[in-house]
């Protein structure tokens, strides 16, 4: 896949944001809006480059982020959604860094 300069910059920013969110997701408050902004940019990136990310993994992560942000749930269910989101972060981060390395 051939990325433009803006695409490379957005890929790098999303890869760094993925690592940052994965590291800080358990310490962030559930009401924080930064994950929603991240997911918005990720969906925009996925629409710009359709086969760059697996859409199933992307939308499972979006659903987990929305459930964590807008639902009041039991601590066990919150922990489950966070673990699923971490797995999605791992897959998305792996793919984004793979895209970056394939350009050079």
PDB file of N, CA and C in Angstrom:
ATOM      1  N   UNK A   1       0.850  -1.173   0.000  1.00  0.00           N
ATOM      2  CA  UNK A   1       0.000   0.000   0.000  1.00  0.00           C
ATOM      3  C   UNK A   1       0.896   1.236   0.000  1.00  0.00           C
ATOM      4  N   UNK A   2       0.608   2.155  -0.870  1.00  0.00           N
ATOM      5  CA  UNK A   2       1.402   3.364  -0.997  1.00  0.00           C
ATOM      6  C   UNK A   2       0.703   4.505  -0.263  1.00  0.00           C
ATOM      7  N   UNK A   3       1.353   5.019   0.766  1.00  0.00           N
ATOM      8  CA  UNK A   3       0.793   6.111   1.558  1.00  0.00           C
ATOM      9  C   UNK A   3       1.388   7.438   1.116  1.00  0.00           C
ATOM     10  N   UNK A   4       0.573   8.480   1.123  1.00  0.00           N
ATOM     11  CA  UNK A   4       1.084   9.821   0.840  1.00  0.00           C
ATOM     12  C   UNK A   4       1.825  10.335   2.077  1.00  0.00           C
ATOM     13  N   UNK A   5       2.400  11.523   1.957  1.00  0.00           N
ATOM     14  CA  UNK A   5       3.101  12.095   3.104  1.00  0.00           C
ATOM     15  C   UNK A   5       2.153  12.330   4.272  1.00  0.00           C
ATOM     16  N   UNK A   6       0.957  12.830   3.988  1.00  0.00           N
ATOM     17  CA  UNK A   6      -0.034  13.033   5.052  1.00  0.00           C
ATOM     18  C   UNK A   6      -0.468  11.691   5.628  1.00  0.00           C
ATOM     19  N   UNK A   7      -0.577  10.688   4.780  1.00  0.00           N
ATOM     20  CA  UNK A   7      -0.925   9.352   5.248  1.00  0.00           C
ATOM     21  C   UNK A   7       0.140   8.765   6.152  1.00  0.00           C
ATOM     22  N   UNK A   8       1.403   8.990   5.802  1.00  0.00           N
ATOM     23  CA  UNK A   8       2.498   8.522   6.656  1.00  0.00           C
ATOM     24  C   UNK A   8       2.478   9.226   8.009  1.00  0.00           C
ATOM     25  N   UNK A   9       2.239  10.531   7.986  1.00  0.00           N
ATOM     26  CA  UNK A   9       2.188  11.295   9.237  1.00  0.00           C
ATOM     27  C   UNK A   9       1.020  10.841  10.102  1.00  0.00           C
ATOM     28  N   UNK A  10      -0.141  10.633   9.488  1.00  0.00           N
ATOM     29  CA  UNK A  10      -1.303  10.175  10.233  1.00  0.00           C
ATOM     30  C   UNK A  10      -1.092   8.761  10.763  1.00  0.00           C
ATOM     31  N   UNK A  11      -0.453   7.905   9.974  1.00  0.00           N
ATOM     32  CA  UNK A  11      -0.154   6.548  10.427  1.00  0.00           C
ATOM     33  C   UNK A  11       0.775   6.570  11.626  1.00  0.00           C
ATOM     34  N   UNK A  12       1.802   7.407  11.562  1.00  0.00           N
ATOM     35  CA  UNK A  12       2.733   7.520  12.689  1.00  0.00           C
ATOM     36  C   UNK A  12       2.024   8.057  13.925  1.00  0.00           C
ATOM     37  N   UNK A  13       1.209   9.100  13.752  1.00  0.00           N
ATOM     38  CA  UNK A  13       0.489   9.680  14.898  1.00  0.00           C
ATOM     39  C   UNK A  13      -0.469   8.655  15.507  1.00  0.00           C
ATOM     40  N   UNK A  14      -1.153   7.888  14.676  1.00  0.00           N
ATOM     41  CA  UNK A  14      -2.071   6.870  15.190  1.00  0.00           C
ATOM     42  C   UNK A  14      -1.327   5.726  15.865  1.00  0.00           C
ATOM     43  N   UNK A  15      -0.177   5.355  15.338  1.00  0.00           N
ATOM     44  CA  UNK A  15       0.617   4.297  15.967  1.00  0.00           C
ATOM     45  C   UNK A  15       1.097   4.725  17.352  1.00  0.00           C
ATOM     46  N   UNK A  16       1.571   5.961  17.455  1.00  0.00           N
ATOM     47  CA  UNK A  16       2.014   6.474  18.752  1.00  0.00           C
ATOM     48  C   UNK A  16       0.826   6.612  19.711  1.00  0.00           C
ATOM     49  N   UNK A  17      -0.307   7.077  19.205  1.00  0.00           N
ATOM     50  CA  UNK A  17      -1.500   7.204  20.044  1.00  0.00           C
ATOM     51  C   UNK A  17      -1.998   5.839  20.501  1.00  0.00           C
ATOM     52  N   UNK A  18      -1.848   4.822  19.668  1.00  0.00           N
ATOM     53  CA  UNK A  18      -2.246   3.473  20.055  1.00  0.00           C
ATOM     54  C   UNK A  18      -1.410   2.979  21.219  1.00  0.00           C
ATOM     55  N   UNK A  19      -0.105   3.179  21.135  1.00  0.00           N
ATOM     56  CA  UNK A  19       0.778   2.768  22.226  1.00  0.00           C
ATOM     57  C   UNK A  19       0.462   3.568  23.482  1.00  0.00           C
ATOM     58  N   UNK A  20       0.247   4.872  23.344  1.00  0.00           N
ATOM     59  CA  UNK A  20      -0.060   5.717  24.499  1.00  0.00           C
ATOM     60  C   UNK A  20      -1.359   5.284  25.175  1.00  0.00           C
ATOM     61  N   UNK A  21      -2.391   5.016  24.379  1.00  0.00           N
ATOM     62  CA  UNK A  21      -3.664   4.583  24.956  1.00  0.00           C
ATOM     63  C   UNK A  21      -3.554   3.205  25.594  1.00  0.00           C
ATOM     64  N   UNK A  22      -2.813   2.299  24.963  1.00  0.00           N
ATOM     65  CA  UNK A  22      -2.659   0.964  25.535  1.00  0.00           C
ATOM     66  C   UNK A  22      -1.944   1.023  26.882  1.00  0.00           C
ATOM     67  N   UNK A  23      -0.969   1.899  26.998  1.00  0.00           N
ATOM     68  CA  UNK A  23      -0.238   2.023  28.259  1.00  0.00           C
ATOM     69  C   UNK A  23      -1.090   2.706  29.325  1.00  0.00           C
ATOM     70  N   UNK A  24      -1.850   3.717  28.938  1.00  0.00           N
ATOM     71  CA  UNK A  24      -2.582   4.526  29.913  1.00  0.00           C
ATOM     72  C   UNK A  24      -4.055   4.169  30.073  1.00  0.00           C
ATOM     73  N   UNK A  25      -4.565   3.183  29.362  1.00  0.00           N
ATOM     74  CA  UNK A  25      -6.011   2.928  29.386  1.00  0.00           C
ATOM     75  C   UNK A  25      -6.511   2.515  30.765  1.00  0.00           C
ATOM     76  N   UNK A  26      -5.722   1.779  31.538  1.00  0.00           N
ATOM     77  CA  UNK A  26      -6.171   1.362  32.863  1.00  0.00           C
ATOM     78  C   UNK A  26      -6.087   2.489  33.884  1.00  0.00           C
ATOM     79  N   UNK A  27      -5.294   3.510  33.607  1.00  0.00           N
ATOM     80  CA  UNK A  27      -5.195   4.634  34.545  1.00  0.00           C
ATOM     81  C   UNK A  27      -6.075   5.821  34.152  1.00  0.00           C
ATOM     82  N   UNK A  28      -6.549   5.846  32.910  1.00  0.00           N
ATOM     83  CA  UNK A  28      -7.452   6.920  32.478  1.00  0.00           C
ATOM     84  C   UNK A  28      -8.833   6.724  33.082  1.00  0.00           C
ATOM     85  N   UNK A  29      -9.500   7.823  33.343  1.00  0.00           N
ATOM     86  CA  UNK A  29     -10.886   7.729  33.781  1.00  0.00           C
ATOM     87  C   UNK A  29     -11.743   7.249  32.616  1.00  0.00           C
ATOM     88  N   UNK A  30     -12.811   6.549  32.938  1.00  0.00           N
ATOM     89  CA  UNK A  30     -13.693   6.044  31.889  1.00  0.00           C
ATOM     90  C   UNK A  30     -14.387   7.174  31.155  1.00  0.00           C
ATOM     91  N   UNK A  31     -14.553   8.335  31.790  1.00  0.00           N
ATOM     92  CA  UNK A  31     -15.248   9.463  31.175  1.00  0.00           C
ATOM     93  C   UNK A  31     -14.351  10.312  30.288  1.00  0.00           C
ATOM     94  N   UNK A  32     -13.111   9.918  30.122  1.00  0.00           N
ATOM     95  CA  UNK A  32     -12.159  10.670  29.313  1.00  0.00           C
ATOM     96  C   UNK A  32     -12.549  10.595  27.837  1.00  0.00           C
ATOM     97  N   UNK A  33     -12.422  11.707  27.118  1.00  0.00           N
ATOM     98  CA  UNK A  33     -12.815  11.759  25.714  1.00  0.00           C
ATOM     99  C   UNK A  33     -11.674  11.461  24.740  1.00  0.00           C
ATOM    100  N   UNK A  34     -10.433  11.369  25.202  1.00  0.00           N
ATOM    101  CA  UNK A  34      -9.313  11.123  24.298  1.00  0.00           C
ATOM    102  C   UNK A  34      -9.450   9.819  23.524  1.00  0.00           C
ATOM    103  N   UNK A  35      -9.905   8.728  24.139  1.00  0.00           N
ATOM    104  CA  UNK A  35     -10.085   7.514  23.315  1.00  0.00           C
ATOM    105  C   UNK A  35     -11.104   7.692  22.196  1.00  0.00           C
ATOM    106  N   UNK A  36     -12.147   8.472  22.417  1.00  0.00           N
ATOM    107  CA  UNK A  36     -13.141   8.692  21.364  1.00  0.00           C
ATOM    108  C   UNK A  36     -12.565   9.498  20.211  1.00  0.00           C
ATOM    109  N   UNK A  37     -11.722  10.470  20.512  1.00  0.00           N
ATOM    110  CA  UNK A  37     -11.047  11.241  19.466  1.00  0.00           C
ATOM    111  C   UNK A  37     -10.112  10.321  18.670  1.00  0.00           C
ATOM    112  N   UNK A  38      -9.403   9.459  19.395  1.00  0.00           N
ATOM    113  CA  UNK A  38      -8.517   8.482  18.749  1.00  0.00           C
ATOM    114  C   UNK A  38      -9.306   7.574  17.810  1.00  0.00           C
ATOM    115  N   UNK A  39     -10.432   7.068  18.285  1.00  0.00           N
ATOM    116  CA  UNK A  39     -11.234   6.174  17.450  1.00  0.00           C
ATOM    117  C   UNK A  39     -11.815   6.907  16.244  1.00  0.00           C
ATOM    118  N   UNK A  40     -12.176   8.151  16.410  1.00  0.00           N
ATOM    119  CA  UNK A  40     -12.647   8.933  15.269  1.00  0.00           C
ATOM    120  C   UNK A  40     -11.574   9.059  14.202  1.00  0.00           C
ATOM    121  N   UNK A  41     -10.345   9.357  14.614  1.00  0.00           N
ATOM    122  CA  UNK A  41      -9.231   9.448  13.661  1.00  0.00           C
ATOM    123  C   UNK A  41      -8.918   8.095  13.042  1.00  0.00           C
ATOM    124  N   UNK A  42      -9.055   7.043  13.829  1.00  0.00           N
ATOM    125  CA  UNK A  42      -8.791   5.705  13.312  1.00  0.00           C
ATOM    126  C   UNK A  42      -9.816   5.296  12.254  1.00  0.00           C
ATOM    127  N   UNK A  43     -11.079   5.621  12.474  1.00  0.00           N
ATOM    128  CA  UNK A  43     -12.116   5.329  11.483  1.00  0.00           C
ATOM    129  C   UNK A  43     -11.894   6.174  10.234  1.00  0.00           C
ATOM    130  N   UNK A  44     -11.506   7.433  10.404  1.00  0.00           N
ATOM    131  CA  UNK A  44     -11.185   8.287   9.258  1.00  0.00           C
ATOM    132  C   UNK A  44     -10.023   7.690   8.457  1.00  0.00           C
ATOM    133  N   UNK A  45      -8.990   7.240   9.145  1.00  0.00           N
ATOM    134  CA  UNK A  45      -7.848   6.607   8.486  1.00  0.00           C
ATOM    135  C   UNK A  45      -8.286   5.349   7.740  1.00  0.00           C
ATOM    136  N   UNK A  46      -9.144   4.564   8.373  1.00  0.00           N
ATOM    137  CA  UNK A  46      -9.629   3.342   7.749  1.00  0.00           C
ATOM    138  C   UNK A  46     -10.456   3.635   6.503  1.00  0.00           C
ATOM    139  N   UNK A  47     -11.168   4.755   6.490  1.00  0.00           N
ATOM    140  CA  UNK A  47     -11.929   5.128   5.303  1.00  0.00           C
ATOM    141  C   UNK A  47     -11.033   5.689   4.203  1.00  0.00           C
ATOM    142  N   UNK A  48      -9.934   6.339   4.585  1.00  0.00           N
ATOM    143  CA  UNK A  48      -8.996   6.854   3.595  1.00  0.00           C
ATOM    144  C   UNK A  48      -8.199   5.728   2.935  1.00  0.00           C
ATOM    145  N   UNK A  49      -7.820   4.721   3.719  1.00  0.00           N
ATOM    146  CA  UNK A  49      -7.046   3.573   3.242  1.00  0.00           C
ATOM    147  C   UNK A  49      -7.814   2.309   3.625  1.00  0.00           C
ATOM    148  N   UNK A  50      -8.723   1.864   2.759  1.00  0.00           N
ATOM    149  CA  UNK A  50      -9.700   0.832   3.139  1.00  0.00           C
ATOM    150  C   UNK A  50      -9.124  -0.505   3.613  1.00  0.00           C
ATOM    151  N   UNK A  51      -8.059  -0.977   3.047  1.00  0.00           N
ATOM    152  CA  UNK A  51      -7.553  -2.290   3.440  1.00  0.00           C
ATOM    153  C   UNK A  51      -6.355  -2.203   4.380  1.00  0.00           C
ATOM    154  N   UNK A  52      -6.126  -1.056   4.974  1.00  0.00           N
ATOM    155  CA  UNK A  52      -4.983  -0.893   5.861  1.00  0.00           C
ATOM    156  C   UNK A  52      -5.208  -1.603   7.192  1.00  0.00           C
ATOM    157  N   UNK A  53      -6.415  -1.540   7.706  1.00  0.00           N
ATOM    158  CA  UNK A  53      -6.737  -2.152   8.995  1.00  0.00           C
ATOM    159  C   UNK A  53      -7.877  -3.146   8.817  1.00  0.00           C
ATOM    160  N   UNK A  54      -7.878  -4.147   9.665  1.00  0.00           N
ATOM    161  CA  UNK A  54      -8.965  -5.114   9.663  1.00  0.00           C
ATOM    162  C   UNK A  54     -10.217  -4.437  10.232  1.00  0.00           C
ATOM    163  N   UNK A  55     -11.285  -4.324   9.451  1.00  0.00           N
ATOM    164  CA  UNK A  55     -12.464  -3.594   9.938  1.00  0.00           C
ATOM    165  C   UNK A  55     -13.137  -4.255  11.134  1.00  0.00           C
ATOM    166  N   UNK A  56     -13.062  -5.581  11.241  1.00  0.00           N
ATOM    167  CA  UNK A  56     -13.673  -6.258  12.384  1.00  0.00           C
ATOM    168  C   UNK A  56     -12.977  -5.874  13.686  1.00  0.00           C
ATOM    169  N   UNK A  57     -11.656  -5.872  13.656  1.00  0.00           N
ATOM    170  CA  UNK A  57     -10.886  -5.494  14.844  1.00  0.00           C
ATOM    171  C   UNK A  57     -11.136  -4.027  15.175  1.00  0.00           C
ATOM    172  N   UNK A  58     -11.162  -3.196  14.154  1.00  0.00           N
ATOM    173  CA  UNK A  58     -11.384  -1.764  14.364  1.00  0.00           C
ATOM    174  C   UNK A  58     -12.730  -1.502  15.030  1.00  0.00           C
ATOM    175  N   UNK A  59     -13.773  -2.102  14.526  1.00  0.00           N
ATOM    176  CA  UNK A  59     -15.097  -1.801  15.066  1.00  0.00           C
ATOM    177  C   UNK A  59     -15.361  -2.503  16.395  1.00  0.00           C
ATOM    178  N   UNK A  60     -14.710  -3.621  16.670  1.00  0.00           N
ATOM    179  CA  UNK A  60     -14.780  -4.197  18.017  1.00  0.00           C
ATOM    180  C   UNK A  60     -14.116  -3.246  19.008  1.00  0.00           C
ATOM    181  N   UNK A  61     -12.989  -2.649  18.626  1.00  0.00           N
ATOM    182  CA  UNK A  61     -12.323  -1.672  19.495  1.00  0.00           C
ATOM    183  C   UNK A  61     -13.195  -0.440  19.701  1.00  0.00           C
ATOM    184  N   UNK A  62     -13.841   0.037  18.654  1.00  0.00           N
ATOM    185  CA  UNK A  62     -14.729   1.200  18.771  1.00  0.00           C
ATOM    186  C   UNK A  62     -15.890   0.884  19.708  1.00  0.00           C
ATOM    187  N   UNK A  63     -16.477  -0.296  19.574  1.00  0.00           N
ATOM    188  CA  UNK A  63     -17.587  -0.677  20.449  1.00  0.00           C
ATOM    189  C   UNK A  63     -17.120  -0.779  21.896  1.00  0.00           C
ATOM    190  N   UNK A  64     -15.941  -1.340  22.114  1.00  0.00           N
ATOM    191  CA  UNK A  64     -15.403  -1.412  23.477  1.00  0.00           C
ATOM    192  C   UNK A  64     -15.183  -0.013  24.042  1.00  0.00           C
ATOM    193  N   UNK A  65     -14.621   0.879  23.236  1.00  0.00           N
ATOM    194  CA  UNK A  65     -14.403   2.253  23.690  1.00  0.00           C
ATOM    195  C   UNK A  65     -15.702   2.962  24.023  1.00  0.00           C
ATOM    196  N   UNK A  66     -16.728   2.749  23.201  1.00  0.00           N
ATOM    197  CA  UNK A  66     -18.027   3.373  23.467  1.00  0.00           C
ATOM    198  C   UNK A  66     -18.692   2.774  24.697  1.00  0.00           C
ATOM    199  N   UNK A  67     -18.577   1.468  24.867  1.00  0.00           N
ATOM    200  CA  UNK A  67     -19.157   0.836  26.056  1.00  0.00           C
ATOM    201  C   UNK A  67     -18.472   1.330  27.324  1.00  0.00           C
ATOM    202  N   UNK A  68     -17.160   1.488  27.269  1.00  0.00           N
ATOM    203  CA  UNK A  68     -16.444   1.984  28.442  1.00  0.00           C
ATOM    204  C   UNK A  68     -16.779   3.436  28.729  1.00  0.00           C
ATOM    205  N   UNK A  69     -17.043   4.207  27.704  1.00  0.00           N
ATOM    206  CA  UNK A  69     -17.305   5.633  27.895  1.00  0.00           C
ATOM    207  C   UNK A  69     -18.737   5.928  28.317  1.00  0.00           C
ATOM    208  N   UNK A  70     -19.699   5.234  27.754  1.00  0.00           N
ATOM    209  CA  UNK A  70     -21.088   5.623  27.939  1.00  0.00           C
ATOM    210  C   UNK A  70     -21.928   4.668  28.777  1.00  0.00           C
ATOM    211  N   UNK A  71     -21.358   3.645  29.352  1.00  0.00           N
ATOM    212  CA  UNK A  71     -22.133   2.714  30.162  1.00  0.00           C
ATOM    213  C   UNK A  71     -21.589   2.680  31.583  1.00  0.00           C
ATOM    214  N   UNK A  72     -22.505   2.447  32.502  1.00  0.00           N
ATOM    215  CA  UNK A  72     -22.133   2.237  33.897  1.00  0.00           C
ATOM    216  C   UNK A  72     -22.270   0.748  34.160  1.00  0.00           C
ATOM    217  N   UNK A  73     -21.134   0.080  34.305  1.00  0.00           N
ATOM    218  CA  UNK A  73     -21.139  -1.374  34.373  1.00  0.00           C
ATOM    219  C   UNK A  73     -20.418  -1.855  35.618  1.00  0.00           C
ATOM    220  N   UNK A  74     -20.598  -3.118  35.878  1.00  0.00           N
ATOM    221  CA  UNK A  74     -19.908  -3.839  36.926  1.00  0.00           C
ATOM    222  C   UNK A  74     -18.396  -3.787  36.666  1.00  0.00           C
ATOM    223  N   UNK A  75     -17.577  -3.855  37.711  1.00  0.00           N
ATOM    224  CA  UNK A  75     -16.125  -3.797  37.543  1.00  0.00           C
ATOM    225  C   UNK A  75     -15.591  -4.961  36.715  1.00  0.00           C
ATOM    226  N   UNK A  76     -16.189  -6.135  36.836  1.00  0.00           N
ATOM    227  CA  UNK A  76     -15.739  -7.289  36.042  1.00  0.00           C
ATOM    228  C   UNK A  76     -16.012  -7.085  34.559  1.00  0.00           C
ATOM    229  N   UNK A  77     -17.155  -6.522  34.237  1.00  0.00           N
ATOM    230  CA  UNK A  77     -17.488  -6.278  32.831  1.00  0.00           C
ATOM    231  C   UNK A  77     -16.590  -5.190  32.259  1.00  0.00           C
ATOM    232  N   UNK A  78     -16.323  -4.150  33.050  1.00  0.00           N
ATOM    233  CA  UNK A  78     -15.396  -3.094  32.615  1.00  0.00           C
ATOM    234  C   UNK A  78     -14.018  -3.692  32.350  1.00  0.00           C
ATOM    235  N   UNK A  79     -13.564  -4.577  33.241  1.00  0.00           N
ATOM    236  CA  UNK A  79     -12.262  -5.220  33.056  1.00  0.00           C
ATOM    237  C   UNK A  79     -12.249  -6.052  31.776  1.00  0.00           C
ATOM    238  N   UNK A  80     -13.338  -6.787  31.499  1.00  0.00           N
ATOM    239  CA  UNK A  80     -13.432  -7.581  30.281  1.00  0.00           C
ATOM    240  C   UNK A  80     -13.329  -6.698  29.042  1.00  0.00           C
ATOM    241  N   UNK A  81     -14.074  -5.584  29.016  1.00  0.00           N
ATOM    242  CA  UNK A  81     -14.025  -4.688  27.860  1.00  0.00           C
ATOM    243  C   UNK A  81     -12.639  -4.068  27.701  1.00  0.00           C
ATOM    244  N   UNK A  82     -11.971  -3.775  28.808  1.00  0.00           N
ATOM    245  CA  UNK A  82     -10.616  -3.232  28.716  1.00  0.00           C
ATOM    246  C   UNK A  82      -9.647  -4.256  28.144  1.00  0.00           C
ATOM    247  N   UNK A  83      -9.777  -5.516  28.533  1.00  0.00           N
ATOM    248  CA  UNK A  83      -8.897  -6.563  28.005  1.00  0.00           C
ATOM    249  C   UNK A  83      -9.129  -6.756  26.509  1.00  0.00           C
ATOM    250  N   UNK A  84     -10.385  -6.789  26.087  1.00  0.00           N
ATOM    251  CA  UNK A  84     -10.692  -6.917  24.653  1.00  0.00           C
ATOM    252  C   UNK A  84     -10.126  -5.722  23.900  1.00  0.00           C
ATOM    253  N   UNK A  85     -10.264  -4.530  24.485  1.00  0.00           N
ATOM    254  CA  UNK A  85      -9.726  -3.329  23.851  1.00  0.00           C
ATOM    255  C   UNK A  85      -8.198  -3.398  23.758  1.00  0.00           C
ATOM    256  N   UNK A  86      -7.535  -3.945  24.768  1.00  0.00           N
ATOM    257  CA  UNK A  86      -6.079  -4.096  24.727  1.00  0.00           C
ATOM    258  C   UNK A  86      -5.654  -5.038  23.600  1.00  0.00           C
ATOM    259  N   UNK A  87      -6.402  -6.112  23.411  1.00  0.00           N
ATOM    260  CA  UNK A  87      -6.096  -7.025  22.307  1.00  0.00           C
ATOM    261  C   UNK A  87      -6.261  -6.318  20.957  1.00  0.00           C
ATOM    262  N   UNK A  88      -7.298  -5.514  20.852  1.00  0.00           N
ATOM    263  CA  UNK A  88      -7.504  -4.744  19.618  1.00  0.00           C
ATOM    264  C   UNK A  88      -6.391  -3.722  19.425  1.00  0.00           C
ATOM    265  N   UNK A  89      -5.957  -3.071  20.519  1.00  0.00           N
ATOM    266  CA  UNK A  89      -4.839  -2.134  20.424  1.00  0.00           C
ATOM    267  C   UNK A  89      -3.587  -2.848  19.921  1.00  0.00           C
ATOM    268  N   UNK A  90      -3.360  -4.067  20.387  1.00  0.00           N
ATOM    269  CA  UNK A  90      -2.172  -4.806  19.961  1.00  0.00           C
ATOM    270  C   UNK A  90      -2.220  -5.091  18.461  1.00  0.00           C
ATOM    271  N   UNK A  91      -3.373  -5.527  17.973  1.00  0.00           N
ATOM    272  CA  UNK A  91      -3.508  -5.837  16.548  1.00  0.00           C
ATOM    273  C   UNK A  91      -3.393  -4.564  15.707  1.00  0.00           C
ATOM    274  N   UNK A  92      -4.068  -3.504  16.134  1.00  0.00           N
ATOM    275  CA  UNK A  92      -4.040  -2.241  15.383  1.00  0.00           C
ATOM    276  C   UNK A  92      -2.641  -1.642  15.397  1.00  0.00           C
ATOM    277  N   UNK A  93      -1.997  -1.632  16.554  1.00  0.00           N
ATOM    278  CA  UNK A  93      -0.632  -1.103  16.645  1.00  0.00           C
ATOM    279  C   UNK A  93       0.344  -1.894  15.796  1.00  0.00           C
ATOM    280  N   UNK A  94       0.218  -3.221  15.812  1.00  0.00           N
ATOM    281  CA  UNK A  94       1.087  -4.075  14.998  1.00  0.00           C
ATOM    282  C   UNK A  94       0.926  -3.745  13.516  1.00  0.00           C
ATOM    283  N   UNK A  95      -0.309  -3.569  13.089  1.00  0.00           N
ATOM    284  CA  UNK A  95      -0.576  -3.273  11.674  1.00  0.00           C
ATOM    285  C   UNK A  95      -0.087  -1.878  11.286  1.00  0.00           C
ATOM    286  N   UNK A  96      -0.299  -0.894  12.172  1.00  0.00           N
ATOM    287  CA  UNK A  96       0.147   0.470  11.855  1.00  0.00           C
ATOM    288  C   UNK A  96       1.670   0.550  11.773  1.00  0.00           C
ATOM    289  N   UNK A  97       2.371  -0.079  12.721  1.00  0.00           N
ATOM    290  CA  UNK A  97       3.829  -0.065  12.652  1.00  0.00           C
ATOM    291  C   UNK A  97       4.324  -0.878  11.460  1.00  0.00           C
ATOM    292  N   UNK A  98       3.606  -1.939  11.092  1.00  0.00           N
ATOM    293  CA  UNK A  98       3.950  -2.699   9.890  1.00  0.00           C
ATOM    294  C   UNK A  98       3.792  -1.859   8.629  1.00  0.00           C
ATOM    295  N   UNK A  99       2.729  -1.061   8.580  1.00  0.00           N
ATOM    296  CA  UNK A  99       2.553  -0.157   7.438  1.00  0.00           C
ATOM    297  C   UNK A  99       3.692   0.859   7.360  1.00  0.00           C
ATOM    298  N   UNK A 100       4.089   1.386   8.494  1.00  0.00           N
ATOM    299  CA  UNK A 100       5.190   2.354   8.491  1.00  0.00           C
ATOM    300  C   UNK A 100       6.489   1.721   8.022  1.00  0.00           C
ATOM    301  N   UNK A 101       6.774   0.535   8.518  1.00  0.00           N
ATOM    302  CA  UNK A 101       8.038  -0.123   8.137  1.00  0.00           C
ATOM    303  C   UNK A 101       8.032  -0.566   6.682  1.00  0.00           C
ATOM    304  N   UNK A 102       6.871  -0.859   6.129  1.00  0.00           N
ATOM    305  CA  UNK A 102       6.830  -1.293   4.730  1.00  0.00           C
ATOM    306  C   UNK A 102       7.060  -0.136   3.764  1.00  0.00           C
ATOM    307  N   UNK A 103       6.951   1.097   4.240  1.00  0.00           N
ATOM    308  CA  UNK A 103       7.149   2.267   3.370  1.00  0.00           C
ATOM    309  C   UNK A 103       8.613   2.613   3.205  1.00  0.00           C
ATOM    310  N   UNK A 104       9.469   2.065   4.042  1.00  0.00           N
ATOM    311  CA  UNK A 104      10.890   2.426   3.977  1.00  0.00           C
ATOM    312  C   UNK A 104      11.756   1.301   3.520  1.00  0.00           C
TER     313      UNK A 104
END
